């Protein structure tokens, strides 16, 4: 029997790349998107659940799925405060994961960040690390944590800092070898493709996907 996918963060950089892949995949007969906005996209497989994420529990019975993909995330600037950033990047992610585990989902595939570490002195990295630690405690057959470096792609709201960072890292790319490879920018499309492939493996346990490893694996597949 084909499965059901649940996607949160479908309007973001990675989520917007992942949604068409899920809809095209023969693995899924149904794709549920949960979020605050109604998407203009229509598809026979697509079901939209529009809700404030603070009230996610109210939609529990509409969010039953086999594979759950979480692409939720913001920046400190967009969030406006540390508290708001913490809410989106940790509390909402963990709330979704806990709800999915309670609905007996098999797999949770989540976007974190390069440098995620609950003990980090950098607030962004600390929050991402705490999110990962909380998700690891939940009862999924498989948990896939993706830690991309600087993401490349077209956002609805361009981020000047990311554009500058991409330009700088692009210029330094030839020097990024050995331990510095993990800092190479990576496209959102590459991460989205890797997330779907991870779900298709139907494995078990917890796996962390580092940015350079994601890029290398997808490059090998493209050449095969």
N, C-alpha and C. Protein backbone atom coordinates (compact mmCIF):
# COMPACT_ATOMS: atom_id res chain seq x y z
N UNK A 1 0.84 -1.19 0.00
CA UNK A 1 0.00 0.00 0.00
C UNK A 1 0.87 1.24 0.00
N UNK A 2 0.47 2.23 -0.79
CA UNK A 2 1.22 3.48 -0.81
C UNK A 2 0.94 4.26 0.47
N UNK A 3 1.85 5.18 0.77
CA UNK A 3 1.85 5.82 2.07
C UNK A 3 1.34 7.26 2.02
N UNK A 4 1.23 7.84 3.21
CA UNK A 4 0.84 9.25 3.35
C UNK A 4 2.02 10.04 3.88
N UNK A 5 2.29 11.18 3.25
CA UNK A 5 3.34 12.08 3.71
C UNK A 5 2.69 13.32 4.33
N UNK A 6 3.34 13.85 5.36
CA UNK A 6 2.92 15.10 6.00
C UNK A 6 4.08 16.07 5.90
N UNK A 7 3.81 17.28 5.41
CA UNK A 7 4.86 18.28 5.25
C UNK A 7 4.48 19.56 5.98
N UNK A 8 5.38 20.04 6.83
CA UNK A 8 5.24 21.34 7.47
C UNK A 8 6.36 22.24 6.97
N UNK A 9 6.01 23.48 6.65
CA UNK A 9 7.00 24.40 6.10
C UNK A 9 7.05 24.37 4.58
N UNK A 10 5.92 24.13 3.95
CA UNK A 10 5.86 23.97 2.50
C UNK A 10 6.14 25.25 1.74
N UNK A 11 6.04 26.41 2.39
CA UNK A 11 6.27 27.68 1.68
C UNK A 11 7.71 28.16 1.82
N UNK A 12 8.51 27.45 2.59
CA UNK A 12 9.91 27.84 2.78
C UNK A 12 10.78 27.39 1.63
N UNK A 13 12.07 27.70 1.75
CA UNK A 13 13.00 27.43 0.65
C UNK A 13 13.11 25.93 0.35
N UNK A 14 13.29 25.11 1.35
CA UNK A 14 13.40 23.67 1.13
C UNK A 14 12.02 23.05 0.94
N UNK A 15 11.06 23.46 1.76
CA UNK A 15 9.72 22.89 1.66
C UNK A 15 9.08 23.08 0.30
N UNK A 16 9.30 24.25 -0.31
CA UNK A 16 8.71 24.52 -1.63
C UNK A 16 9.34 23.65 -2.71
N UNK A 17 10.57 23.20 -2.48
CA UNK A 17 11.22 22.28 -3.41
C UNK A 17 10.78 20.83 -3.14
N UNK A 18 10.51 20.54 -1.89
CA UNK A 18 10.15 19.18 -1.51
C UNK A 18 8.72 18.82 -1.89
N UNK A 19 7.80 19.75 -1.78
CA UNK A 19 6.40 19.45 -2.03
C UNK A 19 6.16 18.83 -3.41
N UNK A 20 6.66 19.41 -4.51
CA UNK A 20 6.43 18.78 -5.82
C UNK A 20 7.02 17.36 -5.92
N UNK A 21 8.14 17.13 -5.23
CA UNK A 21 8.75 15.79 -5.24
C UNK A 21 7.84 14.78 -4.55
N UNK A 22 7.25 15.19 -3.45
CA UNK A 22 6.34 14.29 -2.73
C UNK A 22 5.10 13.98 -3.58
N UNK A 23 4.59 15.00 -4.25
CA UNK A 23 3.40 14.81 -5.07
C UNK A 23 3.68 13.91 -6.28
N UNK A 24 4.89 13.98 -6.78
CA UNK A 24 5.27 13.17 -7.94
C UNK A 24 5.67 11.75 -7.56
N UNK A 25 6.02 11.54 -6.31
CA UNK A 25 6.53 10.25 -5.87
C UNK A 25 5.46 9.17 -5.88
N UNK A 26 5.81 8.00 -6.39
CA UNK A 26 4.89 6.87 -6.39
C UNK A 26 4.75 6.27 -4.99
N UNK A 27 5.62 6.69 -4.10
CA UNK A 27 5.57 6.18 -2.73
C UNK A 27 4.31 6.64 -2.01
N UNK A 28 3.83 7.84 -2.36
CA UNK A 28 2.73 8.46 -1.61
C UNK A 28 1.45 8.56 -2.44
N UNK A 29 0.36 8.16 -1.82
CA UNK A 29 -0.95 8.33 -2.44
C UNK A 29 -1.63 9.59 -1.92
N UNK A 30 -1.08 10.12 -0.81
CA UNK A 30 -1.65 11.33 -0.21
C UNK A 30 -0.53 12.16 0.40
N UNK A 31 -0.59 13.47 0.18
CA UNK A 31 0.38 14.39 0.75
C UNK A 31 -0.38 15.47 1.51
N UNK A 32 -0.18 15.54 2.82
CA UNK A 32 -0.84 16.53 3.66
C UNK A 32 0.13 17.68 3.92
N UNK A 33 -0.33 18.89 3.70
CA UNK A 33 0.48 20.07 4.01
C UNK A 33 -0.21 20.81 5.15
N UNK A 34 0.55 21.11 6.20
CA UNK A 34 -0.02 21.84 7.32
C UNK A 34 0.70 23.18 7.46
N UNK A 35 -0.07 24.24 7.65
CA UNK A 35 0.53 25.57 7.78
C UNK A 35 -0.52 26.64 7.96
N UNK A 36 -0.05 27.88 8.10
CA UNK A 36 -0.96 29.00 8.36
C UNK A 36 -1.62 29.53 7.10
N UNK A 37 -1.02 29.25 5.93
CA UNK A 37 -1.53 29.81 4.68
C UNK A 37 -2.05 28.72 3.75
N UNK A 38 -3.07 29.07 2.98
CA UNK A 38 -3.56 28.16 1.96
C UNK A 38 -2.70 28.31 0.71
N UNK A 39 -2.21 27.19 0.20
CA UNK A 39 -1.39 27.22 -1.01
C UNK A 39 -2.28 27.36 -2.24
N UNK A 40 -1.79 28.03 -3.26
CA UNK A 40 -2.55 28.16 -4.50
C UNK A 40 -2.47 26.88 -5.32
N UNK A 41 -1.48 26.05 -5.04
CA UNK A 41 -1.31 24.80 -5.78
C UNK A 41 -2.48 23.85 -5.55
N UNK A 42 -2.85 23.14 -6.61
CA UNK A 42 -3.87 22.10 -6.50
C UNK A 42 -3.32 20.82 -7.11
N UNK A 43 -3.65 19.68 -6.50
CA UNK A 43 -3.18 18.39 -6.98
C UNK A 43 -4.09 17.32 -6.39
N UNK A 44 -4.36 16.25 -7.15
CA UNK A 44 -5.26 15.19 -6.64
C UNK A 44 -4.77 14.56 -5.34
N UNK A 45 -3.47 14.53 -5.12
CA UNK A 45 -2.92 13.91 -3.91
C UNK A 45 -2.90 14.87 -2.72
N UNK A 46 -3.03 16.17 -3.00
CA UNK A 46 -2.77 17.18 -1.99
C UNK A 46 -3.97 17.47 -1.09
N UNK A 47 -3.73 17.42 0.22
CA UNK A 47 -4.71 17.83 1.23
C UNK A 47 -4.08 18.92 2.07
N UNK A 48 -4.78 20.03 2.23
CA UNK A 48 -4.23 21.13 3.01
C UNK A 48 -4.96 21.27 4.35
N UNK A 49 -4.19 21.39 5.40
CA UNK A 49 -4.73 21.63 6.74
C UNK A 49 -4.22 23.00 7.17
N UNK A 50 -5.09 23.98 7.18
CA UNK A 50 -4.71 25.36 7.50
C UNK A 50 -5.00 25.62 8.97
N UNK A 51 -3.95 25.97 9.71
CA UNK A 51 -4.12 26.21 11.14
C UNK A 51 -2.93 26.98 11.69
N UNK A 52 -3.16 27.68 12.76
CA UNK A 52 -2.07 28.28 13.52
C UNK A 52 -1.34 27.14 14.22
N UNK A 53 -0.02 27.12 14.16
CA UNK A 53 0.72 26.00 14.73
C UNK A 53 0.60 25.94 16.25
N UNK A 54 0.17 27.01 16.87
CA UNK A 54 -0.12 26.96 18.30
C UNK A 54 -1.29 26.03 18.60
N UNK A 55 -2.14 25.83 17.59
CA UNK A 55 -3.34 25.01 17.76
C UNK A 55 -3.23 23.69 17.00
N UNK A 56 -2.03 23.23 16.80
CA UNK A 56 -1.79 22.03 16.02
C UNK A 56 -2.53 20.81 16.56
N UNK A 57 -2.58 20.72 17.88
CA UNK A 57 -3.22 19.57 18.52
C UNK A 57 -4.69 19.44 18.12
N UNK A 58 -5.34 20.56 17.82
CA UNK A 58 -6.75 20.52 17.42
C UNK A 58 -6.96 19.79 16.10
N UNK A 59 -5.90 19.68 15.30
CA UNK A 59 -5.98 19.04 13.98
C UNK A 59 -5.39 17.64 13.97
N UNK A 60 -5.16 17.08 15.14
CA UNK A 60 -4.46 15.79 15.24
C UNK A 60 -4.97 14.73 14.27
N UNK A 61 -6.29 14.55 14.21
CA UNK A 61 -6.86 13.47 13.40
C UNK A 61 -6.73 13.73 11.90
N UNK A 62 -6.44 14.98 11.53
CA UNK A 62 -6.24 15.30 10.12
C UNK A 62 -4.77 15.19 9.70
N UNK A 63 -3.91 14.87 10.66
CA UNK A 63 -2.47 14.88 10.42
C UNK A 63 -1.84 13.50 10.58
N UNK A 64 -2.62 12.48 10.34
CA UNK A 64 -2.10 11.10 10.42
C UNK A 64 -1.33 10.78 9.15
N UNK A 65 -0.07 10.37 9.32
CA UNK A 65 0.78 10.11 8.17
C UNK A 65 1.84 9.07 8.52
N UNK A 66 2.45 8.50 7.48
CA UNK A 66 3.53 7.53 7.68
C UNK A 66 4.88 8.23 7.81
N UNK A 67 5.15 9.15 6.88
CA UNK A 67 6.42 9.89 6.86
C UNK A 67 6.14 11.37 7.08
N UNK A 68 6.82 11.98 8.05
CA UNK A 68 6.59 13.38 8.38
C UNK A 68 7.85 14.18 8.04
N UNK A 69 7.68 15.19 7.22
CA UNK A 69 8.79 16.04 6.78
C UNK A 69 8.61 17.42 7.41
N UNK A 70 9.60 17.85 8.17
CA UNK A 70 9.52 19.14 8.84
C UNK A 70 10.58 20.09 8.29
N UNK A 71 10.11 21.14 7.62
CA UNK A 71 10.99 22.16 7.05
C UNK A 71 10.74 23.51 7.70
N UNK A 72 10.24 23.51 8.93
CA UNK A 72 9.97 24.74 9.64
C UNK A 72 11.29 25.42 10.03
N UNK A 73 11.31 26.73 9.94
CA UNK A 73 12.50 27.46 10.35
C UNK A 73 12.39 28.92 9.97
N UNK A 74 13.06 29.76 10.75
CA UNK A 74 13.07 31.19 10.48
C UNK A 74 14.45 31.73 10.85
N UNK A 75 14.58 33.03 10.91
CA UNK A 75 15.82 33.67 11.35
C UNK A 75 15.48 34.59 12.51
N UNK A 76 16.51 35.00 13.23
CA UNK A 76 16.28 35.90 14.35
C UNK A 76 15.65 37.21 13.86
N UNK A 77 16.12 37.69 12.70
CA UNK A 77 15.60 38.95 12.16
C UNK A 77 14.14 38.82 11.79
N UNK A 78 13.79 37.74 11.09
CA UNK A 78 12.40 37.54 10.68
C UNK A 78 11.49 37.32 11.89
N UNK A 79 11.98 36.54 12.86
CA UNK A 79 11.17 36.25 14.05
C UNK A 79 10.96 37.49 14.90
N UNK A 80 11.98 38.34 14.98
CA UNK A 80 11.84 39.59 15.74
C UNK A 80 12.38 39.54 17.16
N UNK A 81 12.58 38.33 17.69
CA UNK A 81 13.10 38.20 19.04
C UNK A 81 13.60 36.77 19.24
N UNK A 82 14.41 36.59 20.28
CA UNK A 82 14.88 35.24 20.61
C UNK A 82 13.71 34.33 20.95
N UNK A 83 12.74 34.88 21.67
CA UNK A 83 11.59 34.08 22.09
C UNK A 83 10.78 33.59 20.89
N UNK A 84 10.56 34.47 19.92
CA UNK A 84 9.79 34.09 18.73
C UNK A 84 10.57 33.08 17.89
N UNK A 85 11.89 33.28 17.78
CA UNK A 85 12.72 32.33 17.04
C UNK A 85 12.67 30.95 17.71
N UNK A 86 12.79 30.93 19.02
CA UNK A 86 12.74 29.68 19.79
C UNK A 86 11.42 28.96 19.57
N UNK A 87 10.36 29.72 19.48
CA UNK A 87 9.03 29.15 19.30
C UNK A 87 8.91 28.42 17.97
N UNK A 88 9.40 29.05 16.89
CA UNK A 88 9.28 28.46 15.56
C UNK A 88 10.25 27.30 15.37
N UNK A 89 11.51 27.52 15.71
CA UNK A 89 12.55 26.55 15.38
C UNK A 89 12.70 25.42 16.39
N UNK A 90 12.12 25.56 17.54
CA UNK A 90 12.18 24.47 18.52
C UNK A 90 10.79 24.01 18.94
N UNK A 91 10.00 24.89 19.53
CA UNK A 91 8.71 24.47 20.09
C UNK A 91 7.76 23.91 19.04
N UNK A 92 7.63 24.60 17.90
CA UNK A 92 6.73 24.11 16.86
C UNK A 92 7.22 22.80 16.26
N UNK A 93 8.53 22.69 16.07
CA UNK A 93 9.09 21.46 15.49
C UNK A 93 8.85 20.28 16.43
N UNK A 94 9.13 20.48 17.72
CA UNK A 94 8.95 19.40 18.68
C UNK A 94 7.48 19.07 18.86
N UNK A 95 6.63 20.09 18.82
CA UNK A 95 5.19 19.85 18.92
C UNK A 95 4.70 18.98 17.74
N UNK A 96 5.16 19.31 16.55
CA UNK A 96 4.79 18.51 15.38
C UNK A 96 5.30 17.08 15.53
N UNK A 97 6.56 16.94 15.96
CA UNK A 97 7.14 15.61 16.11
C UNK A 97 6.39 14.78 17.14
N UNK A 98 6.06 15.40 18.27
CA UNK A 98 5.34 14.68 19.32
C UNK A 98 3.95 14.25 18.85
N UNK A 99 3.29 15.15 18.12
CA UNK A 99 1.96 14.81 17.58
C UNK A 99 2.07 13.66 16.59
N UNK A 100 3.08 13.71 15.72
CA UNK A 100 3.27 12.66 14.72
C UNK A 100 3.59 11.32 15.39
N UNK A 101 4.44 11.35 16.42
CA UNK A 101 4.75 10.12 17.14
C UNK A 101 3.50 9.55 17.80
N UNK A 102 2.68 10.44 18.36
CA UNK A 102 1.42 10.01 18.96
C UNK A 102 0.45 9.42 17.96
N UNK A 103 0.60 9.84 16.70
CA UNK A 103 -0.23 9.30 15.61
C UNK A 103 0.41 8.08 14.96
N UNK A 104 1.51 7.59 15.56
CA UNK A 104 2.21 6.39 15.12
C UNK A 104 2.86 6.54 13.74
N UNK A 105 3.36 7.73 13.44
CA UNK A 105 4.13 7.91 12.21
C UNK A 105 5.40 7.07 12.31
N UNK A 106 5.88 6.59 11.16
CA UNK A 106 7.07 5.73 11.15
C UNK A 106 8.37 6.53 11.12
N UNK A 107 8.36 7.62 10.33
CA UNK A 107 9.60 8.36 10.11
C UNK A 107 9.40 9.86 10.30
N UNK A 108 10.43 10.50 10.87
CA UNK A 108 10.42 11.94 11.01
C UNK A 108 11.69 12.46 10.36
N UNK A 109 11.52 13.30 9.34
CA UNK A 109 12.64 13.84 8.57
C UNK A 109 12.63 15.34 8.76
N UNK A 110 13.69 15.88 9.38
CA UNK A 110 13.66 17.28 9.80
C UNK A 110 14.90 18.03 9.35
N UNK A 111 14.70 19.30 9.02
CA UNK A 111 15.81 20.19 8.65
C UNK A 111 16.32 20.89 9.89
N UNK A 112 17.59 20.74 10.17
CA UNK A 112 18.25 21.43 11.27
C UNK A 112 19.24 22.42 10.64
N UNK A 113 20.46 22.45 11.11
CA UNK A 113 21.44 23.39 10.56
C UNK A 113 22.85 22.92 10.86
N UNK A 114 23.76 23.26 9.98
CA UNK A 114 25.18 23.04 10.23
C UNK A 114 25.56 23.70 11.56
N UNK A 115 26.28 22.95 12.40
CA UNK A 115 26.71 23.51 13.67
C UNK A 115 25.74 23.35 14.81
N UNK A 116 24.62 22.66 14.57
CA UNK A 116 23.64 22.46 15.65
C UNK A 116 24.29 21.77 16.84
N UNK A 117 24.12 22.36 18.01
CA UNK A 117 24.76 21.83 19.22
C UNK A 117 24.08 22.46 20.43
N UNK A 118 23.47 21.62 21.24
CA UNK A 118 22.74 22.13 22.40
C UNK A 118 23.65 22.86 23.39
N UNK A 119 24.95 22.63 23.32
CA UNK A 119 25.89 23.28 24.23
C UNK A 119 26.59 24.49 23.59
N UNK A 120 26.17 24.85 22.41
CA UNK A 120 26.82 25.95 21.68
C UNK A 120 26.60 27.29 22.37
N UNK A 121 27.59 28.16 22.24
CA UNK A 121 27.44 29.52 22.75
C UNK A 121 26.73 30.42 21.76
N UNK A 122 26.49 29.91 20.56
CA UNK A 122 25.75 30.65 19.53
C UNK A 122 24.27 30.28 19.67
N UNK A 123 23.42 31.26 19.91
CA UNK A 123 22.02 30.98 20.22
C UNK A 123 21.33 30.17 19.12
N UNK A 124 21.54 30.54 17.87
CA UNK A 124 20.92 29.83 16.75
C UNK A 124 21.29 28.35 16.78
N UNK A 125 22.59 28.07 16.90
CA UNK A 125 23.06 26.68 16.92
C UNK A 125 22.57 25.93 18.15
N UNK A 126 22.50 26.64 19.27
CA UNK A 126 22.02 26.03 20.52
C UNK A 126 20.56 25.58 20.39
N UNK A 127 19.72 26.45 19.83
CA UNK A 127 18.30 26.11 19.65
C UNK A 127 18.14 24.92 18.71
N UNK A 128 18.89 24.91 17.62
CA UNK A 128 18.82 23.79 16.69
C UNK A 128 19.26 22.49 17.38
N UNK A 129 20.31 22.58 18.19
CA UNK A 129 20.77 21.40 18.91
C UNK A 129 19.76 20.89 19.93
N UNK A 130 19.11 21.81 20.62
CA UNK A 130 18.08 21.42 21.58
C UNK A 130 16.88 20.79 20.87
N UNK A 131 16.56 21.32 19.69
CA UNK A 131 15.47 20.71 18.91
C UNK A 131 15.83 19.27 18.55
N UNK A 132 17.04 19.07 18.06
CA UNK A 132 17.46 17.72 17.68
C UNK A 132 17.39 16.77 18.87
N UNK A 133 17.88 17.22 20.02
CA UNK A 133 17.88 16.38 21.22
C UNK A 133 16.46 15.98 21.62
N UNK A 134 15.53 16.91 21.52
CA UNK A 134 14.14 16.62 21.88
C UNK A 134 13.50 15.63 20.90
N UNK A 135 13.76 15.82 19.62
CA UNK A 135 13.19 14.93 18.60
C UNK A 135 13.73 13.51 18.75
N UNK A 136 15.01 13.40 19.10
CA UNK A 136 15.63 12.08 19.26
C UNK A 136 14.95 11.23 20.34
N UNK A 137 14.27 11.87 21.27
CA UNK A 137 13.64 11.14 22.37
C UNK A 137 12.31 10.51 21.99
N UNK A 138 11.80 10.84 20.82
CA UNK A 138 10.46 10.38 20.43
C UNK A 138 10.51 9.04 19.71
N UNK A 139 9.39 8.35 19.74
CA UNK A 139 9.35 6.95 19.30
C UNK A 139 9.01 6.79 17.82
N UNK A 140 9.97 7.14 16.97
CA UNK A 140 9.84 6.88 15.53
C UNK A 140 10.73 5.69 15.17
N UNK A 141 10.33 4.97 14.15
CA UNK A 141 11.22 3.90 13.66
C UNK A 141 12.50 4.49 13.11
N UNK A 142 12.38 5.63 12.42
CA UNK A 142 13.55 6.29 11.85
C UNK A 142 13.44 7.80 12.01
N UNK A 143 14.57 8.43 12.35
CA UNK A 143 14.66 9.89 12.42
C UNK A 143 15.83 10.31 11.55
N UNK A 144 15.56 11.20 10.61
CA UNK A 144 16.62 11.73 9.73
C UNK A 144 16.76 13.22 10.00
N UNK A 145 17.95 13.63 10.42
CA UNK A 145 18.24 15.02 10.73
C UNK A 145 19.18 15.58 9.66
N UNK A 146 18.73 16.61 8.98
CA UNK A 146 19.52 17.22 7.90
C UNK A 146 20.14 18.52 8.39
N UNK A 147 21.46 18.62 8.24
CA UNK A 147 22.18 19.81 8.68
C UNK A 147 22.85 20.51 7.49
N UNK A 148 22.09 21.24 6.71
CA UNK A 148 22.68 21.93 5.56
C UNK A 148 23.50 23.14 5.97
N UNK A 149 24.45 23.50 5.10
CA UNK A 149 25.20 24.74 5.24
C UNK A 149 24.33 25.86 4.69
N UNK A 150 24.94 26.94 4.24
CA UNK A 150 24.19 28.05 3.66
C UNK A 150 23.37 27.56 2.47
N UNK A 151 22.07 27.86 2.49
CA UNK A 151 21.17 27.37 1.45
C UNK A 151 21.10 28.33 0.26
N UNK A 152 21.12 27.75 -0.93
CA UNK A 152 20.99 28.52 -2.16
C UNK A 152 19.63 28.25 -2.78
N UNK A 153 19.00 29.29 -3.30
CA UNK A 153 17.69 29.15 -3.94
C UNK A 153 16.94 30.46 -3.85
N UNK A 154 15.82 30.52 -4.56
CA UNK A 154 15.03 31.74 -4.59
C UNK A 154 13.97 31.72 -3.50
N UNK A 155 14.06 32.65 -2.57
CA UNK A 155 13.07 32.76 -1.50
C UNK A 155 11.99 33.77 -1.87
N UNK A 156 10.82 33.62 -1.23
CA UNK A 156 9.76 34.61 -1.41
C UNK A 156 10.23 35.96 -0.89
N UNK A 157 10.97 35.93 0.23
CA UNK A 157 11.52 37.14 0.82
C UNK A 157 13.04 37.00 0.85
N UNK A 158 13.72 37.57 -0.13
CA UNK A 158 15.18 37.42 -0.21
C UNK A 158 15.86 37.94 1.06
N UNK A 159 16.94 37.23 1.45
CA UNK A 159 17.70 37.62 2.63
C UNK A 159 19.05 38.16 2.17
N UNK A 160 19.30 39.45 2.43
CA UNK A 160 20.53 40.08 1.97
C UNK A 160 21.76 39.39 2.53
N UNK A 161 21.69 39.03 3.82
CA UNK A 161 22.83 38.38 4.46
C UNK A 161 23.19 37.08 3.78
N UNK A 162 22.17 36.30 3.38
CA UNK A 162 22.43 35.03 2.72
C UNK A 162 23.05 35.26 1.34
N UNK A 163 22.59 36.30 0.64
CA UNK A 163 23.14 36.58 -0.69
C UNK A 163 24.62 36.96 -0.59
N UNK A 164 24.94 37.77 0.41
CA UNK A 164 26.34 38.17 0.61
C UNK A 164 27.17 36.94 1.00
N UNK A 165 26.61 36.14 1.91
CA UNK A 165 27.31 34.94 2.35
C UNK A 165 27.54 33.97 1.21
N UNK A 166 26.54 33.81 0.37
CA UNK A 166 26.68 32.90 -0.78
C UNK A 166 27.75 33.38 -1.73
N UNK A 167 27.80 34.68 -1.94
CA UNK A 167 28.81 35.25 -2.85
C UNK A 167 30.22 35.03 -2.29
N UNK A 168 30.37 35.26 -0.99
CA UNK A 168 31.68 35.09 -0.36
C UNK A 168 32.10 33.62 -0.36
N UNK A 169 31.19 32.74 0.05
CA UNK A 169 31.52 31.33 0.09
C UNK A 169 31.73 30.76 -1.30
N UNK A 170 30.99 31.32 -2.28
CA UNK A 170 31.18 30.88 -3.67
C UNK A 170 32.59 31.18 -4.15
N UNK A 171 33.08 32.36 -3.78
CA UNK A 171 34.44 32.75 -4.17
C UNK A 171 35.48 31.88 -3.49
N UNK A 172 35.18 31.43 -2.27
CA UNK A 172 36.12 30.61 -1.51
C UNK A 172 35.98 29.11 -1.78
N UNK A 173 34.99 28.74 -2.60
CA UNK A 173 34.69 27.34 -2.82
C UNK A 173 35.90 26.50 -3.21
N UNK A 174 36.79 26.99 -4.12
CA UNK A 174 37.95 26.17 -4.49
C UNK A 174 38.86 25.84 -3.30
N UNK A 175 38.80 26.65 -2.23
CA UNK A 175 39.65 26.44 -1.07
C UNK A 175 38.99 25.53 -0.03
N UNK A 176 37.71 25.21 -0.23
CA UNK A 176 36.97 24.43 0.76
C UNK A 176 37.19 22.94 0.54
N UNK A 177 38.26 22.46 1.12
CA UNK A 177 38.61 21.05 1.01
C UNK A 177 38.78 20.47 2.40
N UNK A 178 38.83 19.14 2.46
CA UNK A 178 39.01 18.49 3.75
C UNK A 178 37.92 18.87 4.72
N UNK A 179 38.30 19.29 5.94
CA UNK A 179 37.30 19.61 6.97
C UNK A 179 36.44 20.82 6.65
N UNK A 180 36.86 21.62 5.66
CA UNK A 180 36.11 22.83 5.30
C UNK A 180 35.01 22.56 4.27
N UNK A 181 34.95 21.33 3.76
CA UNK A 181 33.95 21.01 2.74
C UNK A 181 32.52 21.18 3.25
N UNK A 182 32.34 20.97 4.55
CA UNK A 182 30.99 21.04 5.10
C UNK A 182 30.41 22.45 5.05
N UNK A 183 31.28 23.46 4.82
CA UNK A 183 30.81 24.84 4.77
C UNK A 183 30.37 25.28 3.38
N UNK A 184 30.56 24.43 2.37
CA UNK A 184 30.15 24.80 1.02
C UNK A 184 28.64 25.04 0.97
N UNK A 185 28.19 26.09 0.29
CA UNK A 185 26.74 26.30 0.12
C UNK A 185 26.11 25.11 -0.60
N UNK A 186 24.85 24.88 -0.32
CA UNK A 186 24.14 23.77 -0.93
C UNK A 186 22.76 24.25 -1.38
N UNK A 187 22.28 23.75 -2.49
CA UNK A 187 20.97 24.20 -2.98
C UNK A 187 19.85 23.55 -2.18
N UNK A 188 18.77 24.29 -2.03
CA UNK A 188 17.59 23.76 -1.35
C UNK A 188 17.05 22.54 -2.09
N UNK A 189 17.14 22.56 -3.41
CA UNK A 189 16.65 21.44 -4.21
C UNK A 189 17.42 20.16 -3.89
N UNK A 190 18.73 20.29 -3.67
CA UNK A 190 19.55 19.13 -3.33
C UNK A 190 19.13 18.55 -1.99
N UNK A 191 18.89 19.41 -1.01
CA UNK A 191 18.46 18.95 0.31
C UNK A 191 17.09 18.29 0.22
N UNK A 192 16.17 18.89 -0.52
CA UNK A 192 14.83 18.33 -0.66
C UNK A 192 14.87 16.94 -1.29
N UNK A 193 15.66 16.78 -2.32
CA UNK A 193 15.80 15.48 -2.97
C UNK A 193 16.35 14.44 -2.00
N UNK A 194 17.35 14.85 -1.23
CA UNK A 194 17.96 13.93 -0.27
C UNK A 194 16.98 13.53 0.83
N UNK A 195 16.10 14.44 1.22
CA UNK A 195 15.11 14.12 2.24
C UNK A 195 14.14 13.05 1.76
N UNK A 196 13.71 13.17 0.52
CA UNK A 196 12.82 12.15 -0.03
C UNK A 196 13.54 10.81 -0.14
N UNK A 197 14.77 10.83 -0.59
CA UNK A 197 15.54 9.58 -0.72
C UNK A 197 15.71 8.92 0.65
N UNK A 198 15.92 9.71 1.68
CA UNK A 198 16.08 9.15 3.02
C UNK A 198 14.82 8.42 3.45
N UNK A 199 13.67 9.02 3.17
CA UNK A 199 12.40 8.38 3.51
C UNK A 199 12.23 7.08 2.73
N UNK A 200 12.63 7.09 1.50
CA UNK A 200 12.47 5.92 0.64
C UNK A 200 13.32 4.74 1.08
N UNK A 201 14.37 5.00 1.86
CA UNK A 201 15.23 3.92 2.35
C UNK A 201 14.48 3.02 3.33
N UNK A 202 13.48 3.57 3.99
CA UNK A 202 12.70 2.81 4.98
C UNK A 202 13.61 2.13 6.01
N UNK A 203 14.60 2.86 6.48
CA UNK A 203 15.53 2.30 7.45
C UNK A 203 15.03 2.47 8.87
N UNK A 204 15.97 2.44 9.81
CA UNK A 204 15.63 2.59 11.21
C UNK A 204 16.72 3.35 11.95
N UNK A 205 16.41 3.79 13.15
CA UNK A 205 17.38 4.50 13.96
C UNK A 205 17.46 5.97 13.63
N UNK A 206 18.49 6.62 14.18
CA UNK A 206 18.70 8.06 13.98
C UNK A 206 19.90 8.26 13.06
N UNK A 207 19.70 9.07 12.04
CA UNK A 207 20.81 9.36 11.13
C UNK A 207 20.92 10.87 10.93
N UNK A 208 22.14 11.38 11.04
CA UNK A 208 22.40 12.80 10.81
C UNK A 208 23.06 12.94 9.44
N UNK A 209 22.49 13.79 8.60
CA UNK A 209 23.00 14.01 7.24
C UNK A 209 23.71 15.36 7.20
N UNK A 210 25.03 15.33 7.08
CA UNK A 210 25.82 16.56 7.03
C UNK A 210 25.80 17.16 5.63
N UNK A 211 25.99 18.46 5.54
CA UNK A 211 25.83 19.19 4.29
C UNK A 211 26.68 18.65 3.16
N UNK A 212 27.99 18.45 3.41
CA UNK A 212 28.87 17.96 2.35
C UNK A 212 28.53 16.54 1.94
N UNK A 213 28.07 15.73 2.90
CA UNK A 213 27.68 14.36 2.58
C UNK A 213 26.43 14.33 1.72
N UNK A 214 25.50 15.22 2.00
CA UNK A 214 24.29 15.33 1.18
C UNK A 214 24.65 15.67 -0.25
N UNK A 215 25.50 16.68 -0.41
CA UNK A 215 25.90 17.12 -1.76
C UNK A 215 26.65 16.04 -2.50
N UNK A 216 27.56 15.35 -1.81
CA UNK A 216 28.35 14.30 -2.45
C UNK A 216 27.48 13.14 -2.90
N UNK A 217 26.54 12.74 -2.05
CA UNK A 217 25.67 11.60 -2.38
C UNK A 217 24.78 11.94 -3.59
N UNK A 218 24.21 13.13 -3.59
CA UNK A 218 23.34 13.49 -4.71
C UNK A 218 24.15 13.66 -5.99
N UNK A 219 25.40 14.12 -5.89
CA UNK A 219 26.27 14.25 -7.06
C UNK A 219 26.56 12.87 -7.65
N UNK A 220 26.83 11.90 -6.80
CA UNK A 220 27.09 10.53 -7.25
C UNK A 220 25.88 9.94 -7.96
N UNK A 221 24.71 10.19 -7.39
CA UNK A 221 23.48 9.66 -8.00
C UNK A 221 23.22 10.29 -9.35
N UNK A 222 23.52 11.58 -9.48
CA UNK A 222 23.30 12.28 -10.74
C UNK A 222 24.22 11.75 -11.85
N UNK A 223 25.42 11.32 -11.45
CA UNK A 223 26.37 10.82 -12.44
C UNK A 223 26.15 9.36 -12.79
N UNK A 224 25.44 8.65 -11.90
CA UNK A 224 25.24 7.20 -12.12
C UNK A 224 24.33 6.93 -13.30
